[in-house]
Amino acid sequence: MKENLINERWNIHLRQDRDMTQIKDFNKTILVETALLGQGLPSIDSDEILKIWPISKQLYLPWVEQGMIRLGHIENFLAVRSNKSWLRVNASNLEKTLDEGYSGFLTASAVMKIAKYLGIKHVVTAGMGGIQGDMTSDDLVFLEKTPIFLIATSPKDSLDINKSLNYLMNQSVTVLSYECPFCNGFLFEGSKILLEKITQKELKDIKYPKGTGCLLLNPLPEDIRVQDDTVLIEAMNRGIQARESHQEYHPAVNKALDELTQGKASNFQLKALVANQELALKIVNGISSDGGV
């Protein structure tokens, strides 16, 4: 496997095989977060991921391997996905992870940090971070001060979605909802939070203030939601228990959601991640509602 050095400072590499080409147009390149794939879908095997993954050389997945940032396509990432001891890396601990030679899967904030460094504008996640109590996710903090276009489904259901979105809007971050005038949760159906709706025809005309980011939410259809709210309560309790034991909160919540829904929650999250990549591809390729450019 040949590796091309992109940037010596951060040891960012392209993992390249005979079916891969180097990044030629950073404006049309999309980075996809890997924390969900690496730690959040316990009942989904790699073959199932590969089966529904969008076929595009514009999609890259970043991860950290022994202190080096790697960029690869889905086949490359799946080769390292089974590493259960790897860290969950966000924007705040990315530099430490690199300096100390650790390995890890990357949240949206860490991916946005790498995207900014490389000059890539588009990042994809599924359920994004937000505000919970007095804790504010790096996803929000980084988006408020970085001209990155983040495509997500919603802030996670275990967070205060309304407060999270209002935080961004109060920081002049453009928050839009695709083909829907509101956000009402990620995997569960919650209260409707009214947002500016954008249609497929308008995708190519999105503009946002200089110096801040843009969040485009792409809600799951309401028939692809977990119907039992007690599942969320139990999953959040397990997340709290994990945090009290100095373990990661969100992977524990995702594990509980997977168990309590017999894998449905993981399936829904994977579908959300795939749908958001497909939307991102429409944006970067300037595809309008009639298929034109």
Protein backbone atom coordinates (compact mmCIF):
# COMPACT_ATOMS: atom_id res chain seq x y z
CA MET A 1 0.00 0.00 0.00
CA LYS A 2 1.60 3.22 -1.15
CA GLU A 3 1.28 6.33 1.04
CA ASN A 4 1.54 9.85 -0.31
CA LEU A 5 2.51 12.54 2.18
CA ILE A 6 0.13 15.53 1.91
CA ASN A 7 1.45 17.63 4.76
CA GLU A 8 4.61 16.95 6.75
CA ARG A 9 3.54 18.89 9.86
CA TRP A 10 0.58 16.67 10.67
CA ASN A 11 1.76 13.55 8.84
CA ILE A 12 -1.40 13.50 6.78
CA HIS A 13 -1.32 10.65 4.29
CA LEU A 14 -3.40 9.34 1.45
CA ARG A 15 -3.62 5.58 1.61
CA GLN A 16 -3.45 4.59 -1.99
CA ASP A 17 -3.97 1.36 -3.89
CA ARG A 18 -4.48 0.66 -7.57
CA ASP A 19 -8.16 1.69 -7.39
CA MET A 20 -7.51 5.04 -5.68
CA THR A 21 -6.45 8.37 -7.07
CA GLN A 22 -4.90 11.29 -5.25
CA ILE A 23 -7.06 14.21 -4.23
CA LYS A 24 -7.08 16.51 -7.24
CA ASP A 25 -9.80 19.00 -6.29
CA PHE A 26 -10.09 19.89 -2.62
CA ASN A 27 -13.20 21.97 -3.35
CA LYS A 28 -15.02 18.79 -4.36
CA THR A 29 -13.57 16.55 -1.66
CA ILE A 30 -15.74 15.50 1.31
CA LEU A 31 -14.43 14.25 4.65
CA VAL A 32 -16.58 11.84 6.67
CA GLU A 33 -16.31 11.46 10.45
CA THR A 34 -15.21 8.02 11.65
CA ALA A 35 -16.13 7.92 15.35
CA LEU A 36 -19.59 6.53 14.56
CA LEU A 37 -18.29 3.85 12.20
CA GLY A 38 -15.46 2.90 14.55
CA GLN A 39 -17.26 2.91 17.89
CA GLY A 40 -20.98 3.52 17.46
CA LEU A 41 -22.44 0.72 15.34
CA PRO A 42 -21.72 -2.48 17.31
CA SER A 43 -24.15 -4.77 15.47
CA ILE A 44 -23.29 -3.56 11.95
CA ASP A 45 -20.54 -5.53 10.22
CA SER A 46 -18.20 -4.11 7.64
CA ASP A 47 -19.83 -5.95 4.75
CA GLU A 48 -23.14 -4.29 5.56
CA ILE A 49 -21.48 -0.87 5.60
CA LEU A 50 -19.75 -1.49 2.29
CA LYS A 51 -22.99 -2.70 0.70
CA ILE A 52 -24.78 0.65 1.08
CA TRP A 53 -21.82 3.05 1.06
CA PRO A 54 -21.94 5.64 -1.76
CA ILE A 55 -19.56 4.89 -4.60
CA SER A 56 -17.45 8.04 -4.99
CA LYS A 57 -13.76 8.85 -4.99
CA GLN A 58 -14.68 12.26 -3.55
CA LEU A 59 -15.42 10.74 -0.13
CA TYR A 60 -12.50 10.36 2.27
CA LEU A 61 -12.44 9.06 5.84
CA PRO A 62 -9.75 10.32 8.24
CA TRP A 63 -8.41 8.47 11.27
CA VAL A 64 -5.27 8.59 13.40
CA GLU A 65 -2.91 5.62 13.38
CA GLN A 66 0.09 5.67 15.70
CA GLY A 67 0.22 9.46 15.70
CA MET A 68 -0.31 9.88 11.95
CA ILE A 69 -3.48 11.17 10.32
CA ARG A 70 -4.59 8.87 7.55
CA LEU A 71 -7.04 9.61 4.76
CA GLY A 72 -8.59 6.74 2.88
CA HIS A 73 -11.69 5.49 1.12
CA ILE A 74 -14.16 3.21 2.87
CA GLU A 75 -12.28 0.02 1.98
CA ASN A 76 -9.15 1.37 3.65
CA PHE A 77 -11.00 2.47 6.76
CA LEU A 78 -12.79 -0.85 7.20
CA ALA A 79 -9.39 -2.54 7.40
CA VAL A 80 -8.72 -0.72 10.70
CA ARG A 81 -12.30 -0.50 12.02
CA SER A 82 -11.94 -3.56 14.27
CA ASN A 83 -9.41 -1.87 16.58
CA LYS A 84 -11.51 -1.72 19.75
CA SER A 85 -8.79 -0.09 21.86
CA TRP A 86 -8.53 3.03 19.70
CA LEU A 87 -9.43 6.39 21.19
CA ARG A 88 -12.34 8.69 20.41
CA VAL A 89 -10.62 11.85 19.14
CA ASN A 90 -12.16 15.31 19.02
CA ALA A 91 -10.71 18.70 18.07
CA SER A 92 -9.49 19.38 21.61
CA ASN A 93 -7.40 16.22 21.96
CA LEU A 94 -6.32 15.78 18.34
CA GLU A 95 -2.92 17.41 18.78
CA LYS A 96 -2.19 15.35 21.91
CA THR A 97 -3.19 12.17 20.11
CA LEU A 98 -0.74 12.97 17.32
CA ASP A 99 2.08 14.08 19.62
CA GLU A 100 1.84 10.98 21.82
CA GLY A 101 1.56 8.52 18.96
CA TYR A 102 -1.91 7.20 19.75
CA SER A 103 -4.52 5.81 17.36
CA GLY A 104 -8.16 6.79 17.18
CA PHE A 105 -11.40 7.41 15.35
CA LEU A 106 -12.40 11.03 14.71
CA THR A 107 -15.50 12.98 15.71
CA ALA A 108 -16.93 15.71 13.47
CA SER A 109 -14.93 18.43 15.26
CA ALA A 110 -11.62 16.66 14.70
CA VAL A 111 -12.50 16.09 11.06
CA MET A 112 -13.44 19.77 10.67
CA LYS A 113 -10.07 20.72 12.14
CA ILE A 114 -8.28 18.55 9.58
CA ALA A 115 -10.52 19.86 6.79
CA LYS A 116 -9.68 23.45 7.69
CA TYR A 117 -5.96 22.63 7.65
CA LEU A 118 -6.22 21.02 4.21
CA GLY A 119 -8.57 23.63 2.72
CA ILE A 120 -11.46 21.17 2.40
CA LYS A 121 -14.86 22.81 2.92
CA HIS A 122 -17.33 19.93 3.34
CA VAL A 123 -17.62 17.52 6.27
CA VAL A 124 -20.27 14.87 6.92
CA THR A 125 -21.53 13.35 10.15
CA ALA A 126 -24.82 11.80 11.31
CA GLY A 127 -25.78 12.74 14.88
CA MET A 128 -23.59 15.70 15.84
CA GLY A 129 -22.47 16.99 19.20
CA GLY A 130 -24.23 19.73 21.12
CA ILE A 131 -24.97 21.04 24.60
CA GLN A 132 -25.66 18.83 27.60
CA GLY A 133 -25.91 20.60 30.93
CA ASP A 134 -22.86 22.86 31.23
CA MET A 135 -20.89 20.94 28.57
CA THR A 136 -20.61 22.27 25.03
CA SER A 137 -19.34 19.94 22.30
CA ASP A 138 -16.31 20.78 20.21
CA ASP A 139 -18.59 20.30 17.20
CA LEU A 140 -20.37 23.57 18.08
CA VAL A 141 -17.28 25.48 19.18
CA PHE A 142 -15.32 24.63 16.06
CA LEU A 143 -18.22 25.34 13.70
CA GLU A 144 -18.78 28.81 15.13
CA LYS A 145 -15.28 29.97 14.20
CA THR A 146 -14.47 27.98 11.09
CA PRO A 147 -15.78 28.39 7.51
CA ILE A 148 -16.72 24.72 7.19
CA PHE A 149 -19.90 23.30 5.67
CA LEU A 150 -21.14 20.54 8.00
CA ILE A 151 -23.88 18.19 6.83
CA ALA A 152 -25.55 16.38 9.74
CA THR A 153 -28.89 14.84 10.62
CA SER A 154 -29.42 16.57 13.96
CA PRO A 155 -27.68 17.02 17.27
CA LYS A 156 -27.89 13.72 19.16
CA ASP A 157 -31.10 13.00 21.06
CA SER A 158 -29.24 12.74 24.37
CA LEU A 159 -28.37 16.45 24.09
CA ASP A 160 -30.38 19.66 24.37
CA ILE A 161 -31.12 20.05 20.67
CA ASN A 162 -32.92 23.38 20.96
CA LYS A 163 -30.15 24.96 23.02
CA SER A 164 -27.49 23.50 20.71
CA LEU A 165 -29.01 24.99 17.55
CA ASN A 166 -29.73 28.33 19.21
CA TYR A 167 -26.12 28.46 20.37
CA LEU A 168 -24.93 28.20 16.77
CA MET A 169 -27.40 30.75 15.45
CA ASN A 170 -26.45 33.19 18.22
CA GLN A 171 -22.83 32.85 17.03
CA SER A 172 -23.87 33.78 13.45
CA VAL A 173 -23.57 30.20 12.17
CA THR A 174 -26.00 29.60 9.31
CA VAL A 175 -28.33 26.73 10.25
CA LEU A 176 -30.51 25.26 7.49
CA SER A 177 -32.79 22.26 7.18
CA TYR A 178 -32.97 20.30 3.92
CA GLU A 179 -36.46 19.97 2.43
CA CYS A 180 -37.99 20.37 5.90
CA PRO A 181 -38.79 23.57 7.88
CA PHE A 182 -37.80 22.14 11.26
CA CYS A 183 -35.61 19.78 13.26
CA ASN A 184 -37.41 17.35 15.56
CA GLY A 185 -34.68 15.02 16.73
CA PHE A 186 -32.19 12.50 15.42
CA LEU A 187 -33.28 8.90 16.05
CA PHE A 188 -36.26 9.86 18.20
CA GLU A 189 -39.11 12.24 17.42
CA GLY A 190 -38.97 15.29 19.68
CA SER A 191 -40.24 18.86 19.70
CA LYS A 192 -40.17 20.73 16.41
CA ILE A 193 -37.56 23.47 16.23
CA LEU A 194 -38.35 25.81 13.35
CA LEU A 195 -35.47 26.43 10.94
CA GLU A 196 -34.90 27.94 7.54
CA LYS A 197 -35.80 25.36 4.90
CA ILE A 198 -33.66 24.88 1.82
CA THR A 199 -34.67 22.86 -1.24
CA GLN A 200 -32.55 20.76 -3.54
CA LYS A 201 -32.79 23.43 -6.21
CA GLU A 202 -31.30 25.99 -3.82
CA LEU A 203 -28.32 23.89 -2.70
CA LYS A 204 -25.88 25.49 -5.13
CA ASP A 205 -26.75 28.98 -3.88
CA ILE A 206 -26.01 28.49 -0.17
CA LYS A 207 -23.96 31.32 1.29
CA TYR A 208 -22.83 31.91 4.86
CA PRO A 209 -20.96 34.65 6.73
CA LYS A 210 -17.21 34.84 6.33
CA GLY A 211 -15.37 33.34 9.30
CA THR A 212 -18.16 31.09 10.52
CA GLY A 213 -19.52 27.77 9.38
CA CYS A 214 -22.77 26.51 7.92
CA LEU A 215 -24.78 23.62 9.33
CA LEU A 216 -27.15 21.82 6.97
CA LEU A 217 -29.46 19.36 8.70
CA ASN A 218 -30.86 16.46 6.70
CA PRO A 219 -33.53 14.90 8.94
CA LEU A 220 -34.36 11.22 8.87
CA PRO A 221 -37.89 10.45 7.65
CA GLU A 222 -40.29 10.06 10.56
CA ASP A 223 -40.86 6.38 9.71
CA ILE A 224 -37.14 5.77 10.33
CA ARG A 225 -37.21 6.66 14.03
CA VAL A 226 -37.17 4.73 17.30
CA GLN A 227 -40.69 4.91 18.68
CA ASP A 228 -40.08 4.04 22.35
CA ASP A 229 -38.75 7.06 24.29
CA THR A 230 -37.92 4.90 27.30
CA VAL A 231 -35.12 3.42 25.22
CA LEU A 232 -33.44 6.84 25.07
CA ILE A 233 -33.79 7.33 28.82
CA GLU A 234 -32.17 3.96 29.56
CA ALA A 235 -29.40 4.58 27.00
CA MET A 236 -28.63 7.97 28.55
CA ASN A 237 -28.44 6.39 32.00
CA ARG A 238 -25.88 3.92 30.70
CA GLY A 239 -23.95 6.78 29.18
CA ILE A 240 -23.88 8.56 32.53
CA GLN A 241 -22.67 5.38 34.21
CA ALA A 242 -19.89 5.10 31.63
CA ARG A 243 -18.84 8.72 32.19
CA GLU A 244 -18.74 8.18 35.95
CA SER A 245 -16.42 5.23 35.28
CA HIS A 246 -14.16 7.51 33.18
CA GLN A 247 -15.33 5.95 29.93
CA GLU A 248 -16.72 7.67 26.83
CA TYR A 249 -20.37 8.77 27.03
CA HIS A 250 -21.54 8.61 23.42
CA PRO A 251 -20.18 5.15 22.53
CA ALA A 252 -21.89 3.80 25.67
CA VAL A 253 -25.18 5.42 24.63
CA ASN A 254 -24.88 4.02 21.11
CA LYS A 255 -24.13 0.55 22.46
CA ALA A 256 -27.22 0.69 24.66
CA LEU A 257 -29.39 1.98 21.81
CA ASP A 258 -28.17 -0.87 19.65
CA GLU A 259 -28.95 -3.49 22.31
CA LEU A 260 -32.33 -2.04 23.29
CA THR A 261 -33.57 -1.78 19.70
CA GLN A 262 -32.11 -5.08 18.45
CA GLY A 263 -29.82 -3.21 16.10
CA LYS A 264 -32.41 -0.86 14.58
CA ALA A 265 -30.82 2.28 16.03
CA SER A 266 -27.45 1.39 14.50
CA ASN A 267 -29.11 0.70 11.16
CA PHE A 268 -30.85 4.09 11.28
CA GLN A 269 -27.59 5.87 12.12
CA LEU A 270 -25.79 4.22 9.22
CA LYS A 271 -28.62 5.21 6.87
CA ALA A 272 -28.35 8.78 8.14
CA LEU A 273 -24.61 8.89 7.50
CA VAL A 274 -25.07 7.53 3.98
CA ALA A 275 -27.91 9.97 3.20
CA ASN A 276 -25.79 12.89 4.36
CA GLN A 277 -22.91 11.84 2.12
CA GLU A 278 -25.27 11.64 -0.82
CA LEU A 279 -26.51 15.15 -0.04
CA ALA A 280 -22.94 16.43 0.27
CA LEU A 281 -22.11 14.98 -3.14
CA LYS A 282 -25.05 16.89 -4.65
CA ILE A 283 -23.75 20.09 -3.09
CA VAL A 284 -20.11 19.84 -4.17
CA ASN A 285 -21.07 18.69 -7.68
CA GLY A 286 -23.66 21.45 -8.11
CA ILE A 287 -26.52 19.10 -8.89
CA SER A 288 -29.90 20.85 -9.05
CA SER A 289 -33.38 19.32 -8.75
CA ASP A 290 -33.57 18.55 -12.46
CA GLY A 291 -30.19 16.81 -12.43
CA GLY A 292 -28.48 19.77 -14.09
CA VAL A 293 -25.52 21.76 -12.87
